[in-house]
Amino acid sequence: MGDVTAIEAVLGADAVAVCDSGGRVPAPIRPVHGAAEVARLLRALLPGADLTVASVNGHAGLVIRQTGRAVAVIAVSCDRDRAAAMWIVLNPAKLRDWHRS
């Protein structure tokens, strides 16, 4: 999953990602636009992490964990068969309920 090309293949050309870090972890302040840039952002979140498909706000989304602790929860909006928008929660205070023991 860490391959940027594979990630980019599931993104729409005009994909956008918005990060919420609460200023507690490094993250882009402005939305990230375009499949290539969003793929690079997602790739940066993945090293040494487990990726799980989960229900996020009642829709399919992703949870990224490292050693059982959630480091990101991603809500995904799709346009046809491609991911169009992603809301990436990175704020540790908002991720507590996503940790696994």
N, C-alpha and C. Protein backbone atom coordinates (compact mmCIF):
# COMPACT_ATOMS: atom_id res chain seq x y z
N MET A 1 0.82 -1.20 0.00
CA MET A 1 0.00 0.00 0.00
C MET A 1 0.85 1.25 0.00
N GLY A 2 2.11 1.14 0.35
CA GLY A 2 2.96 2.31 0.44
C GLY A 2 3.36 2.89 -0.89
N ASP A 3 3.04 2.23 -2.00
CA ASP A 3 3.45 2.68 -3.31
C ASP A 3 2.60 3.88 -3.75
N VAL A 4 3.23 5.01 -4.00
CA VAL A 4 2.52 6.23 -4.38
C VAL A 4 1.71 6.01 -5.65
N THR A 5 2.23 5.27 -6.61
CA THR A 5 1.52 5.03 -7.86
C THR A 5 0.22 4.26 -7.61
N ALA A 6 0.27 3.27 -6.73
CA ALA A 6 -0.94 2.50 -6.40
C ALA A 6 -1.97 3.37 -5.69
N ILE A 7 -1.51 4.23 -4.80
CA ILE A 7 -2.43 5.13 -4.09
C ILE A 7 -3.05 6.10 -5.09
N GLU A 8 -2.22 6.67 -5.95
CA GLU A 8 -2.70 7.65 -6.93
C GLU A 8 -3.73 7.03 -7.87
N ALA A 9 -3.63 5.74 -8.14
CA ALA A 9 -4.54 5.06 -9.06
C ALA A 9 -5.99 5.05 -8.56
N VAL A 10 -6.20 5.17 -7.25
CA VAL A 10 -7.57 5.15 -6.72
C VAL A 10 -8.11 6.56 -6.47
N LEU A 11 -7.31 7.57 -6.76
CA LEU A 11 -7.72 8.95 -6.54
C LEU A 11 -8.20 9.60 -7.83
N GLY A 12 -9.20 10.44 -7.73
CA GLY A 12 -9.61 11.24 -8.87
C GLY A 12 -8.55 12.28 -9.17
N ALA A 13 -8.46 12.71 -10.41
CA ALA A 13 -7.44 13.68 -10.81
C ALA A 13 -7.50 14.96 -9.98
N ASP A 14 -8.70 15.37 -9.59
CA ASP A 14 -8.89 16.60 -8.81
C ASP A 14 -9.09 16.32 -7.32
N ALA A 15 -8.58 15.21 -6.84
CA ALA A 15 -8.76 14.84 -5.44
C ALA A 15 -8.23 15.94 -4.52
N VAL A 16 -8.86 16.04 -3.35
CA VAL A 16 -8.43 17.03 -2.36
C VAL A 16 -8.41 16.36 -0.98
N ALA A 17 -7.43 16.74 -0.17
CA ALA A 17 -7.33 16.23 1.20
C ALA A 17 -7.20 17.41 2.15
N VAL A 18 -7.96 17.35 3.23
CA VAL A 18 -7.92 18.38 4.26
C VAL A 18 -7.50 17.70 5.56
N CYS A 19 -6.51 18.26 6.23
CA CYS A 19 -6.00 17.67 7.47
C CYS A 19 -6.41 18.47 8.69
N ASP A 20 -6.73 17.74 9.77
CA ASP A 20 -7.01 18.35 11.06
C ASP A 20 -5.99 17.79 12.04
N SER A 21 -4.96 18.57 12.33
CA SER A 21 -3.95 18.13 13.28
C SER A 21 -4.08 18.84 14.62
N GLY A 22 -4.94 19.85 14.67
CA GLY A 22 -5.08 20.62 15.89
C GLY A 22 -3.79 21.31 16.29
N GLY A 23 -2.85 21.41 15.34
CA GLY A 23 -1.56 22.02 15.63
C GLY A 23 -0.67 21.15 16.50
N ARG A 24 -1.08 19.90 16.71
CA ARG A 24 -0.34 19.01 17.61
C ARG A 24 0.65 18.10 16.91
N VAL A 25 0.45 17.87 15.64
CA VAL A 25 1.38 17.06 14.84
C VAL A 25 1.59 17.78 13.51
N PRO A 26 2.73 17.55 12.86
CA PRO A 26 2.98 18.21 11.58
C PRO A 26 1.96 17.77 10.53
N ALA A 27 1.38 18.73 9.84
CA ALA A 27 0.40 18.45 8.78
C ALA A 27 0.23 19.71 7.94
N PRO A 28 -0.17 19.53 6.68
CA PRO A 28 -0.44 20.70 5.85
C PRO A 28 -1.55 21.55 6.46
N ILE A 29 -1.38 22.85 6.41
CA ILE A 29 -2.38 23.78 6.94
C ILE A 29 -3.49 24.01 5.92
N ARG A 30 -3.12 24.03 4.67
CA ARG A 30 -4.09 24.26 3.59
C ARG A 30 -4.46 22.92 2.94
N PRO A 31 -5.60 22.87 2.27
CA PRO A 31 -5.97 21.65 1.55
C PRO A 31 -4.89 21.26 0.52
N VAL A 32 -4.73 19.96 0.35
CA VAL A 32 -3.79 19.42 -0.63
C VAL A 32 -4.61 19.03 -1.85
N HIS A 33 -4.22 19.51 -3.02
CA HIS A 33 -5.00 19.30 -4.25
C HIS A 33 -4.24 18.44 -5.25
N GLY A 34 -5.00 17.61 -5.98
CA GLY A 34 -4.45 16.80 -7.06
C GLY A 34 -4.05 15.42 -6.60
N ALA A 35 -4.29 14.44 -7.46
CA ALA A 35 -4.03 13.04 -7.12
C ALA A 35 -2.59 12.80 -6.70
N ALA A 36 -1.63 13.36 -7.41
CA ALA A 36 -0.22 13.11 -7.10
C ALA A 36 0.14 13.66 -5.72
N GLU A 37 -0.32 14.86 -5.40
CA GLU A 37 0.01 15.47 -4.10
C GLU A 37 -0.70 14.76 -2.96
N VAL A 38 -1.96 14.38 -3.15
CA VAL A 38 -2.70 13.65 -2.11
C VAL A 38 -2.05 12.29 -1.89
N ALA A 39 -1.63 11.62 -2.95
CA ALA A 39 -0.96 10.33 -2.83
C ALA A 39 0.33 10.46 -2.02
N ARG A 40 1.10 11.51 -2.26
CA ARG A 40 2.34 11.72 -1.50
C ARG A 40 2.03 11.97 -0.02
N LEU A 41 0.98 12.72 0.26
CA LEU A 41 0.58 12.96 1.65
C LEU A 41 0.21 11.65 2.33
N LEU A 42 -0.61 10.84 1.67
CA LEU A 42 -1.02 9.55 2.25
C LEU A 42 0.18 8.63 2.44
N ARG A 43 1.07 8.63 1.49
CA ARG A 43 2.28 7.80 1.60
C ARG A 43 3.11 8.20 2.81
N ALA A 44 3.17 9.48 3.11
CA ALA A 44 3.93 9.96 4.26
C ALA A 44 3.33 9.46 5.58
N LEU A 45 2.04 9.18 5.59
CA LEU A 45 1.38 8.70 6.80
C LEU A 45 1.54 7.20 7.02
N LEU A 46 1.94 6.45 5.99
CA LEU A 46 1.89 5.00 6.04
C LEU A 46 3.10 4.24 6.56
N PRO A 47 4.32 4.78 6.53
CA PRO A 47 5.47 3.94 6.93
C PRO A 47 5.28 3.30 8.30
N GLY A 48 5.44 2.00 8.36
CA GLY A 48 5.34 1.27 9.62
C GLY A 48 3.95 1.24 10.21
N ALA A 49 2.93 1.53 9.41
CA ALA A 49 1.56 1.61 9.92
C ALA A 49 0.69 0.51 9.34
N ASP A 50 -0.39 0.21 10.08
CA ASP A 50 -1.40 -0.73 9.61
C ASP A 50 -2.59 0.08 9.10
N LEU A 51 -3.07 -0.28 7.94
CA LEU A 51 -4.21 0.41 7.33
C LEU A 51 -5.43 -0.50 7.41
N THR A 52 -6.53 0.03 7.94
CA THR A 52 -7.76 -0.73 8.11
C THR A 52 -8.93 0.04 7.51
N VAL A 53 -9.81 -0.66 6.80
CA VAL A 53 -11.05 -0.05 6.33
C VAL A 53 -12.02 -0.08 7.51
N ALA A 54 -12.68 1.05 7.77
CA ALA A 54 -13.59 1.15 8.90
C ALA A 54 -14.72 2.11 8.57
N SER A 55 -15.79 2.04 9.34
CA SER A 55 -16.88 2.99 9.19
C SER A 55 -16.46 4.30 9.87
N VAL A 56 -16.44 5.36 9.10
CA VAL A 56 -16.09 6.69 9.60
C VAL A 56 -17.26 7.61 9.28
N ASN A 57 -17.90 8.11 10.30
CA ASN A 57 -19.09 8.96 10.12
C ASN A 57 -20.16 8.27 9.28
N GLY A 58 -20.29 6.96 9.45
CA GLY A 58 -21.32 6.20 8.76
C GLY A 58 -20.99 5.81 7.34
N HIS A 59 -19.78 6.08 6.89
CA HIS A 59 -19.36 5.74 5.52
C HIS A 59 -18.02 5.02 5.57
N ALA A 60 -17.67 4.35 4.48
CA ALA A 60 -16.38 3.67 4.43
C ALA A 60 -15.26 4.69 4.55
N GLY A 61 -14.30 4.36 5.38
CA GLY A 61 -13.14 5.22 5.58
C GLY A 61 -11.94 4.38 5.93
N LEU A 62 -10.89 5.02 6.38
CA LEU A 62 -9.64 4.33 6.68
C LEU A 62 -9.13 4.74 8.06
N VAL A 63 -8.50 3.79 8.74
CA VAL A 63 -7.83 4.08 10.00
C VAL A 63 -6.38 3.63 9.83
N ILE A 64 -5.46 4.51 10.17
CA ILE A 64 -4.04 4.20 10.12
C ILE A 64 -3.56 4.10 11.56
N ARG A 65 -2.98 2.92 11.91
CA ARG A 65 -2.50 2.69 13.27
C ARG A 65 -1.03 2.29 13.25
N GLN A 66 -0.34 2.70 14.31
CA GLN A 66 1.03 2.24 14.56
C GLN A 66 1.03 1.62 15.94
N THR A 67 1.44 0.36 16.03
CA THR A 67 1.43 -0.41 17.27
C THR A 67 0.13 -0.26 18.04
N GLY A 68 -0.98 -0.37 17.32
CA GLY A 68 -2.30 -0.35 17.93
C GLY A 68 -2.88 1.03 18.21
N ARG A 69 -2.09 2.06 18.08
CA ARG A 69 -2.56 3.42 18.34
C ARG A 69 -2.90 4.11 17.03
N ALA A 70 -4.10 4.67 16.97
CA ALA A 70 -4.53 5.39 15.76
C ALA A 70 -3.68 6.64 15.59
N VAL A 71 -3.14 6.83 14.39
CA VAL A 71 -2.39 8.04 14.08
C VAL A 71 -3.15 8.90 13.07
N ALA A 72 -4.15 8.30 12.42
CA ALA A 72 -4.98 9.04 11.48
C ALA A 72 -6.28 8.28 11.23
N VAL A 73 -7.36 9.04 11.10
CA VAL A 73 -8.64 8.51 10.66
C VAL A 73 -9.04 9.33 9.46
N ILE A 74 -9.40 8.64 8.38
CA ILE A 74 -9.66 9.31 7.10
C ILE A 74 -11.08 9.03 6.64
N ALA A 75 -11.87 10.08 6.52
CA ALA A 75 -13.19 9.99 5.90
C ALA A 75 -13.00 10.22 4.41
N VAL A 76 -13.63 9.38 3.60
CA VAL A 76 -13.42 9.44 2.15
C VAL A 76 -14.75 9.67 1.45
N SER A 77 -14.74 10.59 0.52
CA SER A 77 -15.90 10.84 -0.35
C SER A 77 -15.50 10.42 -1.76
N CYS A 78 -16.35 9.66 -2.41
CA CYS A 78 -16.02 9.16 -3.75
C CYS A 78 -16.89 9.80 -4.83
N ASP A 79 -16.33 9.87 -6.00
CA ASP A 79 -17.03 10.30 -7.20
C ASP A 79 -16.88 9.17 -8.20
N ARG A 80 -17.95 8.44 -8.39
CA ARG A 80 -17.95 7.22 -9.20
C ARG A 80 -17.01 6.20 -8.57
N ASP A 81 -15.94 5.85 -9.24
CA ASP A 81 -15.04 4.81 -8.74
C ASP A 81 -13.71 5.36 -8.22
N ARG A 82 -13.64 6.65 -7.95
CA ARG A 82 -12.39 7.27 -7.49
C ARG A 82 -12.64 8.07 -6.20
N ALA A 83 -11.65 8.11 -5.34
CA ALA A 83 -11.72 8.95 -4.14
C ALA A 83 -11.58 10.40 -4.57
N ALA A 84 -12.53 11.24 -4.17
CA ALA A 84 -12.55 12.64 -4.57
C ALA A 84 -12.11 13.58 -3.46
N ALA A 85 -12.49 13.27 -2.23
CA ALA A 85 -12.15 14.14 -1.10
C ALA A 85 -11.84 13.29 0.12
N MET A 86 -10.87 13.75 0.90
CA MET A 86 -10.49 13.06 2.12
C MET A 86 -10.35 14.08 3.23
N TRP A 87 -10.92 13.73 4.38
CA TRP A 87 -10.77 14.53 5.58
C TRP A 87 -9.95 13.69 6.53
N ILE A 88 -8.74 14.14 6.82
CA ILE A 88 -7.77 13.36 7.58
C ILE A 88 -7.61 13.93 8.97
N VAL A 89 -8.08 13.19 9.98
CA VAL A 89 -7.94 13.62 11.36
C VAL A 89 -6.63 13.07 11.90
N LEU A 90 -5.75 13.97 12.30
CA LEU A 90 -4.45 13.62 12.85
C LEU A 90 -4.29 14.08 14.30
N ASN A 91 -5.23 14.86 14.78
CA ASN A 91 -5.20 15.42 16.12
C ASN A 91 -5.30 14.29 17.14
N PRO A 92 -4.24 14.04 17.92
CA PRO A 92 -4.26 12.93 18.88
C PRO A 92 -5.44 12.97 19.85
N ALA A 93 -5.89 14.15 20.23
CA ALA A 93 -7.01 14.26 21.15
C ALA A 93 -8.31 13.72 20.56
N LYS A 94 -8.42 13.72 19.24
CA LYS A 94 -9.63 13.23 18.57
C LYS A 94 -9.53 11.75 18.18
N LEU A 95 -8.38 11.13 18.41
CA LEU A 95 -8.16 9.75 17.97
C LEU A 95 -8.24 8.72 19.08
N ARG A 96 -8.41 9.14 20.31
CA ARG A 96 -8.38 8.21 21.46
C ARG A 96 -9.32 7.02 21.30
N ASP A 97 -10.53 7.26 20.82
CA ASP A 97 -11.52 6.18 20.71
C ASP A 97 -11.18 5.18 19.60
N TRP A 98 -10.20 5.49 18.78
CA TRP A 98 -9.82 4.62 17.67
C TRP A 98 -8.64 3.70 18.03
N HIS A 99 -8.02 3.86 19.20
CA HIS A 99 -6.89 3.02 19.60
C HIS A 99 -7.37 1.60 19.87
N ARG A 100 -6.49 0.66 19.63
CA ARG A 100 -6.75 -0.75 19.97
C ARG A 100 -5.84 -1.14 21.12
N SER A 101 -6.34 -2.01 22.00
CA SER A 101 -5.49 -2.45 23.10
C SER A 101 -4.63 -3.62 22.71
